[in-house]
C-alpha atoms as a PDB file:
ATOM      1  CA  MET A   1      22.008   5.976   9.408  1.00  0.00           C
ATOM      2  CA  SER A   2      19.116   4.716   7.311  1.00  0.00           C
ATOM      3  CA  PHE A   3      16.921   6.721   4.953  1.00  0.00           C
ATOM      4  CA  SER A   4      14.851   9.857   4.661  1.00  0.00           C
ATOM      5  CA  ILE A   5      12.069  10.586   2.173  1.00  0.00           C
ATOM      6  CA  LEU A   6      13.216  12.822  -0.682  1.00  0.00           C
ATOM      7  CA  GLY A   7      10.180  12.786  -2.973  1.00  0.00           C
ATOM      8  CA  THR A   8       6.699  11.348  -3.511  1.00  0.00           C
ATOM      9  CA  GLY A   9       4.412  10.530  -6.419  1.00  0.00           C
ATOM     10  CA  SER A  10       1.178   8.654  -7.077  1.00  0.00           C
ATOM     11  CA  ALA A  11      -1.048   7.566  -9.942  1.00  0.00           C
ATOM     12  CA  VAL A  12      -4.542   6.112 -10.222  1.00  0.00           C
ATOM     13  CA  PRO A  13      -6.674   5.086 -13.221  1.00  0.00           C
ATOM     14  CA  GLU A  14      -8.901   7.674 -14.863  1.00  0.00           C
ATOM     15  CA  TYR A  15     -12.117   5.635 -14.664  1.00  0.00           C
ATOM     16  CA  VAL A  16     -14.080   6.041 -11.424  1.00  0.00           C
ATOM     17  CA  LEU A  17     -16.588   3.384 -10.329  1.00  0.00           C
ATOM     18  CA  THR A  18     -19.126   4.802  -7.877  1.00  0.00           C
ATOM     19  CA  ASN A  19     -21.288   3.020  -5.338  1.00  0.00           C
ATOM     20  CA  GLU A  20     -24.328   3.927  -7.422  1.00  0.00           C
ATOM     21  CA  GLN A  21     -22.832   2.181 -10.450  1.00  0.00           C
ATOM     22  CA  LEU A  22     -22.152  -0.927  -8.373  1.00  0.00           C
ATOM     23  CA  THR A  23     -25.863  -1.173  -7.557  1.00  0.00           C
ATOM     24  CA  THR A  24     -26.431  -2.093 -11.222  1.00  0.00           C
ATOM     25  CA  MET A  25     -23.905  -4.934 -10.954  1.00  0.00           C
ATOM     26  CA  VAL A  26     -24.706  -6.577  -7.601  1.00  0.00           C
ATOM     27  CA  ASP A  27     -27.428  -6.414  -4.946  1.00  0.00           C
ATOM     28  CA  THR A  28     -26.140  -3.492  -2.877  1.00  0.00           C
ATOM     29  CA  SER A  29     -26.719   0.200  -2.174  1.00  0.00           C
ATOM     30  CA  ASP A  30     -24.682   3.315  -1.550  1.00  0.00           C
ATOM     31  CA  GLU A  31     -25.921   3.354   2.048  1.00  0.00           C
ATOM     32  CA  TRP A  32     -24.910  -0.297   2.599  1.00  0.00           C
ATOM     33  CA  ILE A  33     -21.392   0.240   1.246  1.00  0.00           C
ATOM     34  CA  THR A  34     -20.776   3.609   2.877  1.00  0.00           C
ATOM     35  CA  SER A  35     -22.037   2.632   6.346  1.00  0.00           C
ATOM     36  CA  ARG A  36     -19.952  -0.553   6.425  1.00  0.00           C
ATOM     37  CA  THR A  37     -16.755   0.610   4.732  1.00  0.00           C
ATOM     38  CA  GLY A  38     -16.648   4.389   4.279  1.00  0.00           C
ATOM     39  CA  ILE A  39     -16.032   3.904   0.548  1.00  0.00           C
ATOM     40  CA  LYS A  40     -17.883   6.094  -1.987  1.00  0.00           C
ATOM     41  CA  ARG A  41     -15.889   5.400  -5.177  1.00  0.00           C
ATOM     42  CA  ARG A  42     -12.797   3.630  -6.442  1.00  0.00           C
ATOM     43  CA  HIS A  43     -10.528   4.003  -9.499  1.00  0.00           C
ATOM     44  CA  ILE A  44     -10.507   1.050 -11.902  1.00  0.00           C
ATOM     45  CA  MET A  45      -8.057   0.263 -14.695  1.00  0.00           C
ATOM     46  CA  THR A  46      -9.673   0.109 -18.139  1.00  0.00           C
ATOM     47  CA  THR A  47      -7.201   1.000 -20.876  1.00  0.00           C
ATOM     48  CA  GLU A  48      -4.178   1.708 -18.658  1.00  0.00           C
ATOM     49  CA  SER A  49      -1.494  -0.825 -17.789  1.00  0.00           C
ATOM     50  CA  MET A  50       0.268  -1.170 -14.447  1.00  0.00           C
ATOM     51  CA  THR A  51       3.456  -0.166 -16.204  1.00  0.00           C
ATOM     52  CA  GLU A  52       2.006   3.154 -17.356  1.00  0.00           C
ATOM     53  CA  LEU A  53       0.724   4.026 -13.901  1.00  0.00           C
ATOM     54  CA  THR A  54       3.713   2.813 -11.863  1.00  0.00           C
ATOM     55  CA  VAL A  55       6.101   4.671 -14.166  1.00  0.00           C
ATOM     56  CA  LYS A  56       3.959   7.814 -13.893  1.00  0.00           C
ATOM     57  CA  ALA A  57       4.092   7.650 -10.081  1.00  0.00           C
ATOM     58  CA  ALA A  58       7.847   6.987 -10.184  1.00  0.00           C
ATOM     59  CA  LYS A  59       8.533   9.933 -12.478  1.00  0.00           C
ATOM     60  CA  LEU A  60       6.502  12.265 -10.251  1.00  0.00           C
ATOM     61  CA  ALA A  61       8.460  11.085  -7.206  1.00  0.00           C
ATOM     62  CA  LEU A  62      11.794  11.566  -8.994  1.00  0.00           C
ATOM     63  CA  GLU A  63      10.737  15.053 -10.071  1.00  0.00           C
ATOM     64  CA  ASP A  64       9.647  15.927  -6.533  1.00  0.00           C
ATOM     65  CA  ALA A  65      12.994  14.689  -5.194  1.00  0.00           C
ATOM     66  CA  ASN A  66      14.993  16.407  -7.953  1.00  0.00           C
ATOM     67  CA  VAL A  67      16.679  13.060  -8.621  1.00  0.00           C
ATOM     68  CA  ALA A  68      17.468  11.641 -12.062  1.00  0.00           C
ATOM     69  CA  ALA A  69      16.640   8.011 -12.873  1.00  0.00           C
ATOM     70  CA  ASP A  70      20.296   7.180 -13.482  1.00  0.00           C
ATOM     71  CA  GLU A  71      21.082   8.229  -9.907  1.00  0.00           C
ATOM     72  CA  LEU A  72      18.978   5.366  -8.507  1.00  0.00           C
ATOM     73  CA  ASP A  73      20.866   2.494  -6.877  1.00  0.00           C
ATOM     74  CA  LEU A  74      17.807   0.294  -6.239  1.00  0.00           C
ATOM     75  CA  ILE A  75      14.171  -0.115  -7.310  1.00  0.00           C
ATOM     76  CA  ILE A  76      11.685  -2.175  -5.264  1.00  0.00           C
ATOM     77  CA  CYS A  77       8.042  -2.616  -6.234  1.00  0.00           C
ATOM     78  CA  ALA A  78       5.531  -3.893  -3.685  1.00  0.00           C
ATOM     79  CA  THR A  79       2.734  -5.644  -5.570  1.00  0.00           C
ATOM     80  CA  MET A  80       0.804  -8.906  -5.613  1.00  0.00           C
ATOM     81  CA  ARG A  81       0.940  -9.170  -9.391  1.00  0.00           C
ATOM     82  CA  GLY A  82       2.545  -7.000 -12.040  1.00  0.00           C
ATOM     83  CA  ASP A  83       1.897  -6.801 -15.776  1.00  0.00           C
ATOM     84  CA  TYR A  84       4.038  -9.919 -16.218  1.00  0.00           C
ATOM     85  CA  ILE A  85       4.605 -13.127 -14.270  1.00  0.00           C
ATOM     86  CA  THR A  86       8.201 -12.436 -15.190  1.00  0.00           C
ATOM     87  CA  PRO A  87      10.013 -10.060 -15.436  1.00  0.00           C
ATOM     88  CA  SER A  88       9.195  -8.327 -12.171  1.00  0.00           C
ATOM     89  CA  GLN A  89       7.250  -5.082 -12.266  1.00  0.00           C
ATOM     90  CA  ALA A  90      10.303  -3.368 -10.770  1.00  0.00           C
ATOM     91  CA  CYS A  91      12.421  -4.469 -13.740  1.00  0.00           C
ATOM     92  CA  VAL A  92       9.797  -3.119 -16.130  1.00  0.00           C
ATOM     93  CA  ILE A  93       9.799   0.209 -14.241  1.00  0.00           C
ATOM     94  CA  GLN A  94      13.603   0.280 -14.437  1.00  0.00           C
ATOM     95  CA  LYS A  95      13.494  -0.222 -18.202  1.00  0.00           C
ATOM     96  CA  GLU A  96      10.919   2.532 -18.748  1.00  0.00           C
ATOM     97  CA  LEU A  97      12.763   5.005 -16.520  1.00  0.00           C
ATOM     98  CA  GLY A  98      16.124   4.266 -18.110  1.00  0.00           C
ATOM     99  CA  ALA A  99      17.645   3.427 -14.731  1.00  0.00           C
ATOM    100  CA  HIS A 100      20.631   1.090 -14.268  1.00  0.00           C
ATOM    101  CA  CYS A 101      20.314  -0.614 -10.896  1.00  0.00           C
ATOM    102  CA  PRO A 102      19.060  -3.795  -9.216  1.00  0.00           C
ATOM    103  CA  ALA A 103      15.267  -4.119  -9.299  1.00  0.00           C
ATOM    104  CA  PHE A 104      12.858  -6.650  -7.804  1.00  0.00           C
ATOM    105  CA  ASP A 105       9.312  -7.095  -6.470  1.00  0.00           C
ATOM    106  CA  VAL A 106       8.083  -7.788  -2.928  1.00  0.00           C
ATOM    107  CA  ASN A 107       4.715  -9.444  -2.232  1.00  0.00           C
ATOM    108  CA  GLY A 108       3.466  -8.604   1.245  1.00  0.00           C
ATOM    109  CA  ALA A 109      -0.117  -7.996   0.043  1.00  0.00           C
ATOM    110  CA  CYS A 110      -1.577  -4.931   1.782  1.00  0.00           C
ATOM    111  CA  SER A 111       1.494  -4.680   4.044  1.00  0.00           C
ATOM    112  CA  GLY A 112       3.771  -4.867   1.019  1.00  0.00           C
ATOM    113  CA  PHE A 113       4.817  -1.229   0.970  1.00  0.00           C
ATOM    114  CA  ILE A 114       6.161  -1.368   4.521  1.00  0.00           C
ATOM    115  CA  TYR A 115       7.851  -4.693   3.737  1.00  0.00           C
ATOM    116  CA  ALA A 116       9.531  -2.940   0.798  1.00  0.00           C
ATOM    117  CA  LEU A 117      10.637  -0.035   3.015  1.00  0.00           C
ATOM    118  CA  ASP A 118      12.098  -2.552   5.461  1.00  0.00           C
ATOM    119  CA  VAL A 119      14.070  -4.219   2.659  1.00  0.00           C
ATOM    120  CA  ALA A 120      15.296  -0.819   1.451  1.00  0.00           C
ATOM    121  CA  ASP A 121      16.369   0.003   5.005  1.00  0.00           C
ATOM    122  CA  GLY A 122      18.674  -3.018   4.931  1.00  0.00           C
ATOM    123  CA  PHE A 123      20.381  -1.779   1.770  1.00  0.00           C
ATOM    124  CA  PHE A 124      20.910   1.662   3.316  1.00  0.00           C
ATOM    125  CA  ALA A 125      22.181   0.142   6.578  1.00  0.00           C
ATOM    126  CA  ARG A 126      24.808  -1.860   4.649  1.00  0.00           C
ATOM    127  CA  LYS A 127      25.717   1.266   2.667  1.00  0.00           C
ATOM    128  CA  ARG A 128      24.880  -0.515  -0.569  1.00  0.00           C
ATOM    129  CA  VAL A 129      22.724   2.358  -1.851  1.00  0.00           C
ATOM    130  CA  LYS A 130      22.497   6.133  -1.665  1.00  0.00           C
ATOM    131  CA  LYS A 131      19.196   6.598  -3.471  1.00  0.00           C
ATOM    132  CA  ALA A 132      16.333   4.127  -3.860  1.00  0.00           C
ATOM    133  CA  LEU A 133      12.894   4.102  -5.459  1.00  0.00           C
ATOM    134  CA  VAL A 134      10.158   2.193  -3.619  1.00  0.00           C
ATOM    135  CA  VAL A 135       6.860   1.713  -5.465  1.00  0.00           C
ATOM    136  CA  GLY A 136       3.610   0.290  -4.093  1.00  0.00           C
ATOM    137  CA  PHE A 137       0.878  -0.556  -6.580  1.00  0.00           C
ATOM    138  CA  ASP A 138      -1.868  -3.151  -7.006  1.00  0.00           C
ATOM    139  CA  ASN A 139      -4.416  -3.912  -9.711  1.00  0.00           C
ATOM    140  CA  LEU A 140      -7.047  -5.564  -7.513  1.00  0.00           C
ATOM    141  CA  SER A 141      -9.865  -5.099 -10.014  1.00  0.00           C
ATOM    142  CA  ALA A 142      -8.243  -7.906 -12.037  1.00  0.00           C
ATOM    143  CA  MET A 143      -8.454 -10.228  -9.003  1.00  0.00           C
ATOM    144  CA  THR A 144     -11.936  -9.309  -7.774  1.00  0.00           C
ATOM    145  CA  ASP A 145     -15.033 -11.505  -8.024  1.00  0.00           C
ATOM    146  CA  TRP A 146     -17.421  -8.921  -9.464  1.00  0.00           C
ATOM    147  CA  THR A 147     -20.447 -11.082  -8.566  1.00  0.00           C
ATOM    148  CA  ASP A 148     -19.609 -11.077  -4.826  1.00  0.00           C
ATOM    149  CA  ARG A 149     -21.138  -7.996  -3.208  1.00  0.00           C
ATOM    150  CA  ASN A 150     -19.122  -8.487  -0.008  1.00  0.00           C
ATOM    151  CA  THR A 151     -15.763  -8.049  -1.725  1.00  0.00           C
ATOM    152  CA  CYS A 152     -16.268  -6.251  -5.040  1.00  0.00           C
ATOM    153  CA  VAL A 153     -17.266  -3.028  -3.271  1.00  0.00           C
ATOM    154  CA  LEU A 154     -13.973  -2.840  -1.367  1.00  0.00           C
ATOM    155  CA  PHE A 155     -11.161  -2.736  -3.882  1.00  0.00           C
ATOM    156  CA  GLY A 156      -9.675  -0.243  -6.313  1.00  0.00           C
ATOM    157  CA  ASP A 157      -6.522   0.144  -8.390  1.00  0.00           C
ATOM    158  CA  GLY A 158      -3.652   2.554  -7.868  1.00  0.00           C
ATOM    159  CA  GLY A 159      -0.473   3.285  -6.007  1.00  0.00           C
ATOM    160  CA  GLY A 160       2.493   5.532  -5.560  1.00  0.00           C
ATOM    161  CA  ALA A 161       6.222   5.843  -5.099  1.00  0.00           C
ATOM    162  CA  LEU A 162       8.828   7.272  -2.754  1.00  0.00           C
ATOM    163  CA  VAL A 163      12.379   8.291  -3.535  1.00  0.00           C
ATOM    164  CA  LEU A 164      14.577   7.562  -0.532  1.00  0.00           C
ATOM    165  CA  GLY A 165      17.999   8.957   0.256  1.00  0.00           C
ATOM    166  CA  GLU A 166      20.555   8.522   3.027  1.00  0.00           C
ATOM    167  CA  GLY A 167      19.382  10.073   6.270  1.00  0.00           C
ATOM    168  CA  ASP A 168      17.961   9.543   9.738  1.00  0.00           C
ATOM    169  CA  GLY A 169      14.254   9.869   8.944  1.00  0.00           C
ATOM    170  CA  LEU A 170      13.342   6.252   9.699  1.00  0.00           C
ATOM    171  CA  LYS A 171      12.956   5.884  13.471  1.00  0.00           C
ATOM    172  CA  THR A 172      11.658   2.314  13.712  1.00  0.00           C
ATOM    173  CA  ILE A 173      10.205  -0.327  11.427  1.00  0.00           C
ATOM    174  CA  ASN A 174       8.772  -3.787  12.029  1.00  0.00           C
ATOM    175  CA  VAL A 175       7.066  -6.406   9.866  1.00  0.00           C
ATOM    176  CA  GLU A 176       5.339  -9.643  10.879  1.00  0.00           C
ATOM    177  CA  ALA A 177       3.687 -12.642   9.252  1.00  0.00           C
ATOM    178  CA  PHE A 178       1.171 -15.140  10.630  1.00  0.00           C
ATOM    179  CA  GLY A 179       0.825 -17.781   7.914  1.00  0.00           C
ATOM    180  CA  ASN A 180      -2.840 -18.219   7.000  1.00  0.00           C
ATOM    181  CA  THR A 181      -4.544 -19.363   3.801  1.00  0.00           C
ATOM    182  CA  ASP A 182      -8.140 -19.147   5.042  1.00  0.00           C
ATOM    183  CA  LEU A 183      -9.001 -15.529   5.869  1.00  0.00           C
ATOM    184  CA  ILE A 184      -7.814 -13.677   2.737  1.00  0.00           C
ATOM    185  CA  TYR A 185      -6.547 -15.531  -0.297  1.00  0.00           C
ATOM    186  CA  ALA A 186      -6.616 -15.804  -4.081  1.00  0.00           C
ATOM    187  CA  PRO A 187      -5.790 -19.131  -5.776  1.00  0.00           C
ATOM    188  CA  ARG A 188      -3.094 -19.213  -8.420  1.00  0.00           C
ATOM    189  CA  GLY A 189      -5.528 -20.180 -11.171  1.00  0.00           C
ATOM    190  CA  GLU A 190      -5.475 -22.658 -14.012  1.00  0.00           C
ATOM    191  CA  SER A 191      -2.391 -24.627 -15.021  1.00  0.00           C
ATOM    192  CA  THR A 192      -1.226 -25.041 -18.634  1.00  0.00           C
ATOM    193  CA  SER A 193       0.270 -28.446 -17.837  1.00  0.00           C
ATOM    194  CA  PRO A 194      -1.511 -31.416 -19.506  1.00  0.00           C
ATOM    195  CA  MET A 195      -0.191 -33.533 -16.613  1.00  0.00           C
ATOM    196  CA  ASN A 196      -1.865 -31.441 -13.922  1.00  0.00           C
ATOM    197  CA  LYS A 197      -4.596 -33.333 -12.015  1.00  0.00           C
ATOM    198  CA  ARG A 198      -5.315 -30.775  -9.270  1.00  0.00           C
ATOM    199  CA  GLU A 199      -8.273 -28.399  -9.266  1.00  0.00           C
ATOM    200  CA  MET A 200      -6.679 -24.953  -9.172  1.00  0.00           C
ATOM    201  CA  GLY A 201      -9.642 -22.664  -8.381  1.00  0.00           C
ATOM    202  CA  ARG A 202     -10.520 -19.274  -9.868  1.00  0.00           C
ATOM    203  CA  PRO A 203      -7.819 -16.630  -9.266  1.00  0.00           C
ATOM    204  CA  VAL A 204     -10.125 -14.232  -7.402  1.00  0.00           C
ATOM    205  CA  LEU A 205      -9.980 -12.797  -3.900  1.00  0.00           C
ATOM    206  CA  HIS A 206     -11.815 -14.584  -1.087  1.00  0.00           C
ATOM    207  CA  MET A 207     -12.183 -13.025   2.343  1.00  0.00           C
ATOM    208  CA  ASN A 208     -13.692 -13.785   5.740  1.00  0.00           C
ATOM    209  CA  GLY A 209     -14.637 -10.204   6.518  1.00  0.00           C
ATOM    210  CA  ALA A 210     -15.554 -10.595  10.198  1.00  0.00           C
ATOM    211  CA  GLU A 211     -12.314 -12.340  11.152  1.00  0.00           C
ATOM    212  CA  VAL A 212     -10.178  -9.990   9.084  1.00  0.00           C
ATOM    213  CA  TYR A 213     -11.848  -7.032  10.806  1.00  0.00           C
ATOM    214  CA  LYS A 214     -10.932  -8.364  14.261  1.00  0.00           C
ATOM    215  CA  PHE A 215      -7.354  -9.084  13.194  1.00  0.00           C
ATOM    216  CA  ALA A 216      -6.986  -5.632  11.643  1.00  0.00           C
ATOM    217  CA  VAL A 217      -8.253  -3.641  14.638  1.00  0.00           C
ATOM    218  CA  SER A 218      -6.191  -5.538  17.221  1.00  0.00           C
ATOM    219  CA  SER A 219      -3.091  -5.441  15.002  1.00  0.00           C
ATOM    220  CA  MET A 220      -3.351  -1.739  14.262  1.00  0.00           C
ATOM    221  CA  VAL A 221      -3.615  -0.752  17.918  1.00  0.00           C
ATOM    222  CA  ARG A 222      -0.819  -3.100  19.029  1.00  0.00           C
ATOM    223  CA  LEU A 223       1.540  -2.151  16.216  1.00  0.00           C
ATOM    224  CA  ILE A 224       1.139   1.616  16.530  1.00  0.00           C
ATOM    225  CA  ASP A 225       1.514   1.591  20.301  1.00  0.00           C
ATOM    226  CA  ARG A 226       4.681  -0.531  20.135  1.00  0.00           C
ATOM    227  CA  ALA A 227       6.243   1.398  17.246  1.00  0.00           C
ATOM    228  CA  ILE A 228       5.849   4.725  19.019  1.00  0.00           C
ATOM    229  CA  THR A 229       7.519   3.289  22.128  1.00  0.00           C
ATOM    230  CA  ASP A 230      10.313   1.725  20.051  1.00  0.00           C
ATOM    231  CA  ALA A 231      10.943   5.111  18.424  1.00  0.00           C
ATOM    232  CA  GLY A 232      11.397   6.692  21.856  1.00  0.00           C
ATOM    233  CA  LEU A 233       8.311   8.841  21.415  1.00  0.00           C
ATOM    234  CA  THR A 234       4.920   9.268  23.057  1.00  0.00           C
ATOM    235  CA  GLN A 235       1.548   9.316  21.332  1.00  0.00           C
ATOM    236  CA  ASP A 236       1.490  13.100  21.839  1.00  0.00           C
ATOM    237  CA  ASP A 237       4.645  13.339  19.682  1.00  0.00           C
ATOM    238  CA  ILE A 238       2.879  11.887  16.629  1.00  0.00           C
ATOM    239  CA  ASP A 239       1.789  14.414  14.004  1.00  0.00           C
ATOM    240  CA  LEU A 240       0.167  12.082  11.453  1.00  0.00           C
ATOM    241  CA  VAL A 241      -1.078   8.493  11.398  1.00  0.00           C
ATOM    242  CA  ILE A 242      -1.397   7.007   7.918  1.00  0.00           C
ATOM    243  CA  PRO A 243      -3.124   3.623   8.227  1.00  0.00           C
ATOM    244  CA  HIS A 244      -3.907   1.063   5.567  1.00  0.00           C
ATOM    245  CA  GLN A 245      -7.171   2.097   3.895  1.00  0.00           C
ATOM    246  CA  ALA A 246      -9.115  -1.155   4.275  1.00  0.00           C
ATOM    247  CA  ASN A 247     -12.227  -0.001   6.104  1.00  0.00           C
ATOM    248  CA  TYR A 248     -13.183   3.281   7.768  1.00  0.00           C
ATOM    249  CA  ARG A 249     -14.644   1.408  10.750  1.00  0.00           C
ATOM    250  CA  ILE A 250     -11.272  -0.246  11.394  1.00  0.00           C
ATOM    251  CA  ILE A 251      -9.590   3.153  11.493  1.00  0.00           C
ATOM    252  CA  LYS A 252     -12.287   4.562  13.806  1.00  0.00           C
ATOM    253  CA  SER A 253     -12.003   1.588  16.172  1.00  0.00           C
ATOM    254  CA  ALA A 254      -8.247   2.100  16.416  1.00  0.00           C
ATOM    255  CA  GLU A 255      -8.749   5.831  17.020  1.00  0.00           C
ATOM    256  CA  GLU A 256     -10.945   5.038  20.028  1.00  0.00           C
ATOM    257  CA  LYS A 257      -8.371   2.685  21.560  1.00  0.00           C
ATOM    258  CA  LEU A 258      -5.308   4.888  21.052  1.00  0.00           C
ATOM    259  CA  HIS A 259      -4.617   8.313  22.541  1.00  0.00           C
ATOM    260  CA  ILE A 260      -3.776  10.223  19.368  1.00  0.00           C
ATOM    261  CA  ASP A 261      -5.982  13.129  18.362  1.00  0.00           C
ATOM    262  CA  LYS A 262      -8.463  12.070  15.685  1.00  0.00           C
ATOM    263  CA  SER A 263      -7.502  15.035  13.497  1.00  0.00           C
ATOM    264  CA  LYS A 264      -4.094  13.424  12.965  1.00  0.00           C
ATOM    265  CA  TYR A 265      -5.424  10.352  11.138  1.00  0.00           C
ATOM    266  CA  VAL A 266      -5.277  10.339   7.344  1.00  0.00           C
ATOM    267  CA  CYS A 267      -8.245   8.697   5.634  1.00  0.00           C
ATOM    268  CA  ASN A 268      -8.869   8.818   1.881  1.00  0.00           C
ATOM    269  CA  ILE A 269     -10.758   5.529   1.569  1.00  0.00           C
ATOM    270  CA  ALA A 270     -13.893   7.305   0.335  1.00  0.00           C
ATOM    271  CA  GLU A 271     -12.101   8.178  -2.918  1.00  0.00           C
ATOM    272  CA  TYR A 272      -9.904   5.143  -3.574  1.00  0.00           C
ATOM    273  CA  GLY A 273     -11.170   2.140  -1.611  1.00  0.00           C
ATOM    274  CA  ASN A 274      -8.587  -0.483  -0.715  1.00  0.00           C
ATOM    275  CA  THR A 275      -5.684  -0.431  -3.183  1.00  0.00           C
ATOM    276  CA  SER A 276      -3.597  -2.911  -1.156  1.00  0.00           C
ATOM    277  CA  ALA A 277       0.121  -2.027  -1.380  1.00  0.00           C
ATOM    278  CA  GLY A 278      -0.894   1.216  -3.095  1.00  0.00           C
ATOM    279  CA  CYS A 279      -2.796   2.699  -0.138  1.00  0.00           C
ATOM    280  CA  LEU A 280       0.108   4.084   1.877  1.00  0.00           C
ATOM    281  CA  PRO A 281       2.099   5.720  -0.947  1.00  0.00           C
ATOM    282  CA  ILE A 282      -1.053   7.361  -2.344  1.00  0.00           C
ATOM    283  CA  ALA A 283      -1.793   8.861   1.081  1.00  0.00           C
ATOM    284  CA  ILE A 284       1.829   9.912   1.649  1.00  0.00           C
ATOM    285  CA  ASP A 285       1.869  11.710  -1.694  1.00  0.00           C
ATOM    286  CA  GLU A 286      -1.401  13.455  -0.879  1.00  0.00           C
ATOM    287  CA  VAL A 287      -0.225  14.819   2.487  1.00  0.00           C
ATOM    288  CA  ASN A 288       3.019  15.943   0.850  1.00  0.00           C
ATOM    289  CA  ARG A 289       1.395  17.757  -2.062  1.00  0.00           C
ATOM    290  CA  THR A 290      -1.368  19.341   0.009  1.00  0.00           C
ATOM    291  CA  GLY A 291       1.064  20.625   2.632  1.00  0.00           C
ATOM    292  CA  ARG A 292      -0.522  18.627   5.428  1.00  0.00           C
ATOM    293  CA  VAL A 293       2.916  17.368   6.498  1.00  0.00           C
ATOM    294  CA  LYS A 294       5.857  19.618   7.356  1.00  0.00           C
ATOM    295  CA  ARG A 295       9.530  19.159   8.052  1.00  0.00           C
ATOM    296  CA  GLY A 296      10.162  17.578  11.462  1.00  0.00           C
ATOM    297  CA  ASP A 297       6.748  15.884  11.702  1.00  0.00           C
ATOM    298  CA  ASN A 298       6.602  12.346  13.087  1.00  0.00           C
ATOM    299  CA  ILE A 299       4.510  10.018  10.913  1.00  0.00           C
ATOM    300  CA  VAL A 300       3.248   6.517  11.705  1.00  0.00           C
ATOM    301  CA  LEU A 301       2.569   4.161   8.797  1.00  0.00           C
ATOM    302  CA  CYS A 302       0.624   0.983   9.565  1.00  0.00           C
ATOM    303  CA  ALA A 303      -0.722  -1.843   7.400  1.00  0.00           C
ATOM    304  CA  PHE A 304      -2.204  -5.334   7.641  1.00  0.00           C
ATOM    305  CA  GLY A 305      -3.407  -7.826   5.085  1.00  0.00           C
ATOM    306  CA  SER A 306      -3.306 -11.243   3.477  1.00  0.00           C
ATOM    307  CA  GLY A 307      -0.581 -13.528   4.634  1.00  0.00           C
ATOM    308  CA  LEU A 308      -1.527 -12.655   7.286  1.00  0.00           C
ATOM    309  CA  THR A 309       1.004  -9.817   7.295  1.00  0.00           C
ATOM    310  CA  THR A 310       1.441  -6.634   9.261  1.00  0.00           C
ATOM    311  CA  GLY A 311       3.843  -3.725   9.031  1.00  0.00           C
ATOM    312  CA  VAL A 312       4.468  -0.510  10.937  1.00  0.00           C
ATOM    313  CA  CYS A 313       7.065   2.235  10.928  1.00  0.00           C
ATOM    314  CA  VAL A 314       7.692   5.687  12.357  1.00  0.00           C
ATOM    315  CA  ILE A 315       9.334   8.205  10.031  1.00  0.00           C
ATOM    316  CA  ARG A 316      10.398  11.787  10.708  1.00  0.00           C
ATOM    317  CA  TRP A 317       9.565  13.937   7.706  1.00  0.00           C
ATOM    318  CA  ASP A 318      12.882  15.485   6.646  1.00  0.00           C
ATOM    319  CA  LYS A 319      11.820  16.711   3.199  1.00  0.00           C
END
């Protein structure tokens, strides 16, 4: 026995930055962004904090699951950087919810949410928990070089949360890492030490788009195909595919190489852009609240990102 999904929630900033607005900031156009990425707008944090938004998503998920915060046995937050260097964002969420359980962060970049689900699975397998909250949220606007037209058009802020309970919903899960500091990375930033002699670099995202694209397409096809086999299913048995929302062309390329009907793919990149660890839980909450997913459906979640990391799982929707 592992876990099943009991409830979902999501939260994004109020401010929306459109492609047209970006044309006043860098040399770009709506047509250039849309044709290359599928993105039309993204939500950007202005006055909100990560704590406000992660707690909002968590409360919505708890409400959807009909679970009280003091029933939680574990909180995991997948994020690259919370409101604090320390304490972890998960500990801050725990405080705001009034929960009383272990809490910690996981940094798997864009694959972070699946990494967090994998960690939660271990706690359920050892019967250490009965109910867990897994949050995925990133504030990429704070790490973006807003003078670089190749990257600033891609990223947005936001995320979501799942409440997990004991069950048999998880059919298979797998995470990988291929250590690489060249294709996608963000330096740590300046040091406060007067003894430091190293040049630290600006703490902004750098990306080799062409190489990342190739890695993403090949990984997505390989991971989904293997996960479905590992779950004892066929591609015809899959009801929804929820991929990481990095680039619409990546999703389309994977569609062409797999044998899953195109109507089964979930794509909301036009509205949110790439929110890193926040992409999957936002999409899961959307399909739940719009009724696009029903009890008994088989869902594939797939992600890839800096690290380089990948993650994939197959979950039966038991909610």
